[in-house]
Structure formats: C-alpha cells, structure tokens
C-alpha cells in the first residue's frame, strides 16, 4: 500500500496513468512525447509505477508496451473508502505481479492480472466449467457449455437474453485458454474480438492474466466488466462467495 501512495504522489506519474487510462498499451516513445522531461526521467517514473503494480508491461519485438492495472487502486478504494460507503463491500484481492509472454496474437488492447489463493486445478475448473462460471459471473446466473476446443459457451442474463457468446479456439491444459468474445448484449451486429486467460502457479496461489485483443472502438467499457469478473472469481475461489451485481 505504501508503494501505491508513493507512486501516486507525483504529478508526472499521475499524468502517465491518466494517459494510459485514455489510451492503454502505449510504448515508452508514446509516453515520452507527452511529458516535458528526458526519456530517462520517464523511464524512472514508469519503474516506480511498475514496482507499485499500477502498470503491467508486455514486450513485443523491440517495443515494450505499458498497460494500466487498475485493480490495486480498487483494492485501495475498498480498504479506505468502501467501508464508509458500503460496509458490505469485500476487498477485491491481493492483486500483484506482472507478466511478459509473447503470443502470436500481437499487442493486446487490454491486459489485467490478479493473484488468487487457490490451486491450479481449482482455477482451471472455474474458468472452464459452465456451472462454476455461472456461480461467480457478476451478471449471469446461467452459463451453457463448458470451455473446450471448438465448443460454444453462452452467458445468459437473468431475463433470459444472451449476454455473451464465446468459442474456445485454443487450450494448453491448465495454463492457457484462448476464446472468441461476442458481446450479444450490444446487439446482433456487435463486432467480435478475442481474449486469452493465462494461468501461472505461484506457490499456494495462482497468477491469472486476462488479455483482450481486437476490441472495436466504443468497447473500452469492457475493462470494467473484466475488473468485476476478476474480483468475483477471486472471491468465489478464496471465500466461496461470489460478488454478484445487484439486480
């Protein structure tokens, strides 16, 4: 928590976070153009933000891209603000770490990481079994179809309308799941995109990385949905209680 407060206690670092909030996944050169300081100065500020886990990075070829990791800020809000506003709120997580892994899909449009106290088997089952997805999904109480290669998984809203349709395109057992992402709640003509779950065992915990590719303009709000899903998944696996949205 001290590292987060230290990282936020500088206008240049706050400006970098604001820039990533507006346009996620920027390179050092992109960010350098926005600040009146040397390249080395920008690198120092980015290092402080990365140490505080407020940004995560991905290297692709010669370039390193930076992504806003808003979950530690949510954790701080839940600790210091939510007890006064929503006594029933649960802390989202111990959300840490960063990941650099090359994929053939190129540069993600969105990237998020969380650290969940559970076994690799438990996390894999939660991400692939329809009944478990329904148990923790923040909006849907019904999910049809397990996640397995070429299988369709459908998320159904309480009113019976479809929210999301996914097709599993790739699986590396217990480590990686690649799926399509078809947001049916946006209408039948909403463009499809792609997402990936990456699982890494970390002692008695697992690090989960969520990557989203090919997002269309106007779909930036998906980031909030991913934050809600990650928080509910973490709570479900660590406490047995999901964080469902009030209907």
Protein backbone atom coordinates (compact mmCIF):
# COMPACT_ATOMS: atom_id res chain seq x y z
CA UNK A 1 0.00 0.00 0.00
CA UNK A 2 2.89 2.40 0.76
CA UNK A 3 4.26 1.84 -2.74
CA UNK A 4 0.91 2.86 -4.26
CA UNK A 5 0.72 6.08 -2.24
CA UNK A 6 4.33 6.88 -3.14
CA UNK A 7 3.66 6.22 -6.83
CA UNK A 8 0.62 8.49 -6.84
CA UNK A 9 2.42 11.30 -5.00
CA UNK A 10 3.87 12.82 -8.17
CA UNK A 11 2.05 14.76 -10.91
CA UNK A 12 4.16 13.22 -13.69
CA UNK A 13 3.26 9.69 -12.62
CA UNK A 14 -0.40 10.65 -12.31
CA UNK A 15 -0.19 12.09 -15.83
CA UNK A 16 1.22 8.78 -17.11
CA UNK A 17 -1.65 6.86 -15.51
CA UNK A 18 -4.17 9.30 -16.98
CA UNK A 19 -2.62 8.81 -20.40
CA UNK A 20 -2.86 5.02 -20.12
CA UNK A 21 -6.44 5.32 -18.93
CA UNK A 22 -7.27 7.22 -22.12
CA UNK A 23 -5.15 5.04 -24.43
CA UNK A 24 -3.95 1.76 -22.94
CA UNK A 25 -0.92 -0.16 -24.22
CA UNK A 26 1.48 2.68 -25.08
CA UNK A 27 5.21 2.38 -25.72
CA UNK A 28 7.90 4.39 -23.94
CA UNK A 29 8.22 6.64 -27.00
CA UNK A 30 4.47 7.30 -26.99
CA UNK A 31 4.54 8.32 -23.33
CA UNK A 32 7.77 10.31 -23.62
CA UNK A 33 6.15 12.67 -26.14
CA UNK A 34 3.56 13.70 -23.58
CA UNK A 35 5.89 14.81 -20.78
CA UNK A 36 8.39 17.65 -20.69
CA UNK A 37 11.30 15.57 -19.43
CA UNK A 38 14.06 13.30 -20.66
CA UNK A 39 13.49 9.72 -21.78
CA UNK A 40 15.44 8.57 -18.72
CA UNK A 41 13.13 10.58 -16.45
CA UNK A 42 10.05 8.96 -17.98
CA UNK A 43 11.64 5.52 -17.54
CA UNK A 44 12.27 6.22 -13.85
CA UNK A 45 8.63 7.21 -13.31
CA UNK A 46 7.40 4.11 -15.16
CA UNK A 47 9.64 1.94 -12.97
CA UNK A 48 8.03 3.40 -9.82
CA UNK A 49 4.55 2.72 -11.24
CA UNK A 50 5.53 -0.82 -12.23
CA UNK A 51 7.00 -1.52 -8.78
CA UNK A 52 3.67 -0.41 -7.30
CA UNK A 53 1.88 -2.75 -9.77
CA UNK A 54 -0.13 0.17 -11.12
CA UNK A 55 1.05 -0.71 -14.61
CA UNK A 56 1.92 -4.02 -16.26
CA UNK A 57 4.03 -4.43 -19.36
CA UNK A 58 4.35 -6.64 -22.41
CA UNK A 59 7.36 -6.80 -24.72
CA UNK A 60 6.68 -7.36 -28.41
CA UNK A 61 9.75 -7.35 -30.63
CA UNK A 62 11.83 -4.26 -29.86
CA UNK A 63 9.00 -2.46 -28.11
CA UNK A 64 7.68 -2.61 -24.58
CA UNK A 65 4.03 -1.66 -24.08
CA UNK A 66 2.55 -0.34 -20.85
CA UNK A 67 -0.95 -1.07 -19.53
CA UNK A 68 -2.87 0.48 -16.66
CA UNK A 69 -3.52 -2.12 -13.93
CA UNK A 70 -6.44 -0.58 -12.06
CA UNK A 71 -7.05 -3.44 -9.65
CA UNK A 72 -4.60 -2.31 -6.92
CA UNK A 73 -6.38 1.07 -6.97
CA UNK A 74 -9.68 -0.76 -6.50
CA UNK A 75 -8.12 -2.66 -3.60
CA UNK A 76 -7.04 0.64 -2.03
CA UNK A 77 -10.52 2.11 -2.56
CA UNK A 78 -12.14 -0.92 -0.95
CA UNK A 79 -9.82 -0.64 2.04
CA UNK A 80 -10.02 3.10 2.68
CA UNK A 81 -13.26 4.29 1.08
CA UNK A 82 -15.72 1.43 0.72
CA UNK A 83 -16.01 0.74 4.49
CA UNK A 84 -17.55 4.20 4.85
CA UNK A 85 -19.76 3.94 1.75
CA UNK A 86 -20.64 0.23 1.50
CA UNK A 87 -19.98 -1.67 4.74
CA UNK A 88 -20.87 -4.93 2.99
CA UNK A 89 -18.13 -4.50 0.37
CA UNK A 90 -15.44 -7.18 0.26
CA UNK A 91 -11.83 -6.49 -0.55
CA UNK A 92 -11.26 -7.41 -4.18
CA UNK A 93 -7.90 -9.02 -3.83
CA UNK A 94 -4.24 -9.21 -3.32
CA UNK A 95 -3.59 -8.21 -6.92
CA UNK A 96 0.02 -8.29 -7.88
CA UNK A 97 2.71 -9.19 -10.32
CA UNK A 98 3.48 -8.63 -13.96
CA UNK A 99 3.80 -10.91 -16.96
CA UNK A 100 5.80 -10.80 -20.17
CA UNK A 101 4.84 -13.52 -22.59
CA UNK A 102 4.97 -13.46 -26.37
CA UNK A 103 1.85 -14.53 -28.24
CA UNK A 104 1.16 -14.85 -31.93
CA UNK A 105 -1.84 -12.54 -31.50
CA UNK A 106 0.28 -9.40 -31.29
CA UNK A 107 -0.29 -6.48 -28.94
CA UNK A 108 -3.30 -6.75 -26.58
CA UNK A 109 -5.75 -3.85 -26.41
CA UNK A 110 -6.38 -4.61 -22.73
CA UNK A 111 -4.48 -6.53 -20.08
CA UNK A 112 -5.22 -7.30 -16.40
CA UNK A 113 -3.60 -9.51 -13.76
CA UNK A 114 -4.76 -10.86 -10.42
CA UNK A 115 -3.24 -13.14 -7.81
CA UNK A 116 -5.66 -15.76 -6.42
CA UNK A 117 -5.08 -18.00 -3.43
CA UNK A 118 -6.13 -21.36 -4.93
CA UNK A 119 -4.78 -24.43 -6.68
CA UNK A 120 -4.12 -24.54 -10.41
CA UNK A 121 -6.79 -27.23 -10.77
CA UNK A 122 -9.38 -25.11 -8.96
CA UNK A 123 -8.71 -22.07 -11.14
CA UNK A 124 -8.78 -24.15 -14.33
CA UNK A 125 -12.13 -25.69 -13.37
CA UNK A 126 -13.57 -22.26 -12.54
CA UNK A 127 -12.58 -20.95 -15.98
CA UNK A 128 -13.80 -23.99 -17.95
CA UNK A 129 -16.83 -25.48 -16.17
CA UNK A 130 -20.18 -23.89 -17.07
CA UNK A 131 -21.73 -24.45 -13.63
CA UNK A 132 -18.83 -22.71 -11.90
CA UNK A 133 -18.80 -19.81 -14.38
CA UNK A 134 -22.49 -19.31 -13.59
CA UNK A 135 -21.75 -19.38 -9.86
CA UNK A 136 -19.31 -16.45 -9.91
CA UNK A 137 -20.22 -14.42 -13.03
CA UNK A 138 -21.17 -10.94 -11.85
CA UNK A 139 -24.24 -10.64 -14.14
CA UNK A 140 -25.29 -14.11 -15.32
CA UNK A 141 -26.70 -16.96 -13.25
CA UNK A 142 -26.83 -19.34 -16.21
CA UNK A 143 -23.95 -20.43 -18.44
CA UNK A 144 -24.38 -23.06 -21.16
CA UNK A 145 -21.46 -25.13 -22.43
CA UNK A 146 -18.10 -25.92 -20.87
CA UNK A 147 -15.00 -24.27 -22.32
CA UNK A 148 -13.32 -26.90 -24.50
CA UNK A 149 -11.84 -26.73 -28.01
CA UNK A 150 -14.39 -25.63 -30.63
CA UNK A 151 -17.22 -25.65 -28.08
CA UNK A 152 -19.66 -22.77 -27.66
CA UNK A 153 -20.14 -21.18 -24.22
CA UNK A 154 -23.13 -18.87 -23.74
CA UNK A 155 -23.73 -16.50 -20.82
CA UNK A 156 -27.45 -15.86 -20.17
CA UNK A 157 -28.81 -12.81 -18.33
CA UNK A 158 -31.50 -13.23 -15.63
CA UNK A 159 -34.16 -12.03 -18.09
CA UNK A 160 -33.28 -14.90 -20.44
CA UNK A 161 -31.45 -12.79 -23.03
CA UNK A 162 -27.90 -13.70 -24.10
CA UNK A 163 -25.09 -11.52 -22.75
CA UNK A 164 -22.01 -13.16 -24.25
CA UNK A 165 -21.13 -15.96 -26.65
CA UNK A 166 -17.65 -17.50 -26.73
CA UNK A 167 -15.99 -20.23 -28.76
CA UNK A 168 -12.84 -21.84 -27.35
CA UNK A 169 -10.20 -21.74 -30.07
CA UNK A 170 -7.08 -22.98 -28.23
CA UNK A 171 -6.26 -24.72 -24.97
CA UNK A 172 -2.98 -25.58 -23.24
CA UNK A 173 -4.11 -27.74 -20.31
CA UNK A 174 -4.25 -25.78 -17.06
CA UNK A 175 -2.15 -22.89 -18.40
CA UNK A 176 -3.85 -21.12 -21.34
CA UNK A 177 -7.32 -20.66 -22.83
CA UNK A 178 -7.99 -18.62 -25.99
CA UNK A 179 -11.58 -17.76 -26.89
CA UNK A 180 -13.66 -15.53 -29.12
CA UNK A 181 -15.60 -12.76 -27.39
CA UNK A 182 -19.01 -11.96 -28.92
CA UNK A 183 -20.91 -9.35 -26.82
CA UNK A 184 -24.53 -10.21 -27.58
CA UNK A 185 -25.82 -7.57 -25.17
CA UNK A 186 -24.60 -4.96 -27.66
CA UNK A 187 -26.80 -6.33 -30.43
CA UNK A 188 -26.51 -8.97 -33.16
CA UNK A 189 -24.10 -6.89 -35.25
CA UNK A 190 -21.62 -6.11 -32.47
CA UNK A 191 -18.08 -6.95 -33.66
CA UNK A 192 -16.42 -9.99 -32.13
CA UNK A 193 -12.98 -9.85 -30.52
CA UNK A 194 -10.63 -12.32 -28.85
CA UNK A 195 -9.45 -12.95 -25.30
CA UNK A 196 -6.92 -15.14 -23.50
CA UNK A 197 -6.61 -16.47 -19.95
CA UNK A 198 -3.07 -17.29 -18.77
CA UNK A 199 -2.53 -19.27 -15.55
CA UNK A 200 0.77 -19.45 -13.65
CA UNK A 201 1.10 -21.37 -10.34
CA UNK A 202 2.76 -19.28 -7.61
CA UNK A 203 3.24 -21.50 -4.56
CA UNK A 204 -0.13 -21.80 -2.82
CA UNK A 205 -1.62 -19.28 -5.25
CA UNK A 206 -2.09 -18.73 -8.97
CA UNK A 207 -1.46 -15.67 -11.12
CA UNK A 208 -4.21 -15.11 -13.66
CA UNK A 209 -3.63 -12.79 -16.62
CA UNK A 210 -6.51 -11.66 -18.80
CA UNK A 211 -5.72 -10.31 -22.28
CA UNK A 212 -8.25 -8.86 -24.72
CA UNK A 213 -7.46 -8.37 -28.43
CA UNK A 214 -9.15 -6.69 -31.39
CA UNK A 215 -11.51 -4.54 -29.35
CA UNK A 216 -13.63 -2.25 -31.51
CA UNK A 217 -14.00 1.50 -30.84
CA UNK A 218 -16.59 2.06 -28.16
CA UNK A 219 -15.78 -1.17 -26.34
CA UNK A 220 -13.41 0.42 -23.81
CA UNK A 221 -16.04 -0.21 -21.14
CA UNK A 222 -15.21 -3.90 -21.26
CA UNK A 223 -12.37 -3.09 -18.82
CA UNK A 224 -14.89 -2.52 -16.02
CA UNK A 225 -16.55 -5.83 -16.81
CA UNK A 226 -13.22 -7.64 -16.60
CA UNK A 227 -12.49 -5.98 -13.25
CA UNK A 228 -15.85 -7.13 -11.90
CA UNK A 229 -15.32 -10.66 -13.21
CA UNK A 230 -11.80 -10.90 -11.77
CA UNK A 231 -12.99 -9.65 -8.39
CA UNK A 232 -15.91 -12.07 -8.26
CA UNK A 233 -13.78 -15.02 -9.43
CA UNK A 234 -11.18 -14.28 -6.75
CA UNK A 235 -13.81 -14.00 -4.03
CA UNK A 236 -15.50 -17.20 -5.21
CA UNK A 237 -12.29 -19.24 -5.12
CA UNK A 238 -10.91 -17.79 -1.89
CA UNK A 239 -14.10 -17.49 0.20
CA UNK A 240 -16.79 -19.45 -1.62
CA UNK A 241 -18.84 -16.28 -2.09
CA UNK A 242 -19.18 -14.54 -5.46
CA UNK A 243 -19.60 -10.78 -5.91
CA UNK A 244 -22.81 -10.62 -7.92
CA UNK A 245 -24.16 -7.33 -9.23
CA UNK A 246 -27.34 -6.08 -7.58
CA UNK A 247 -30.25 -6.68 -9.95
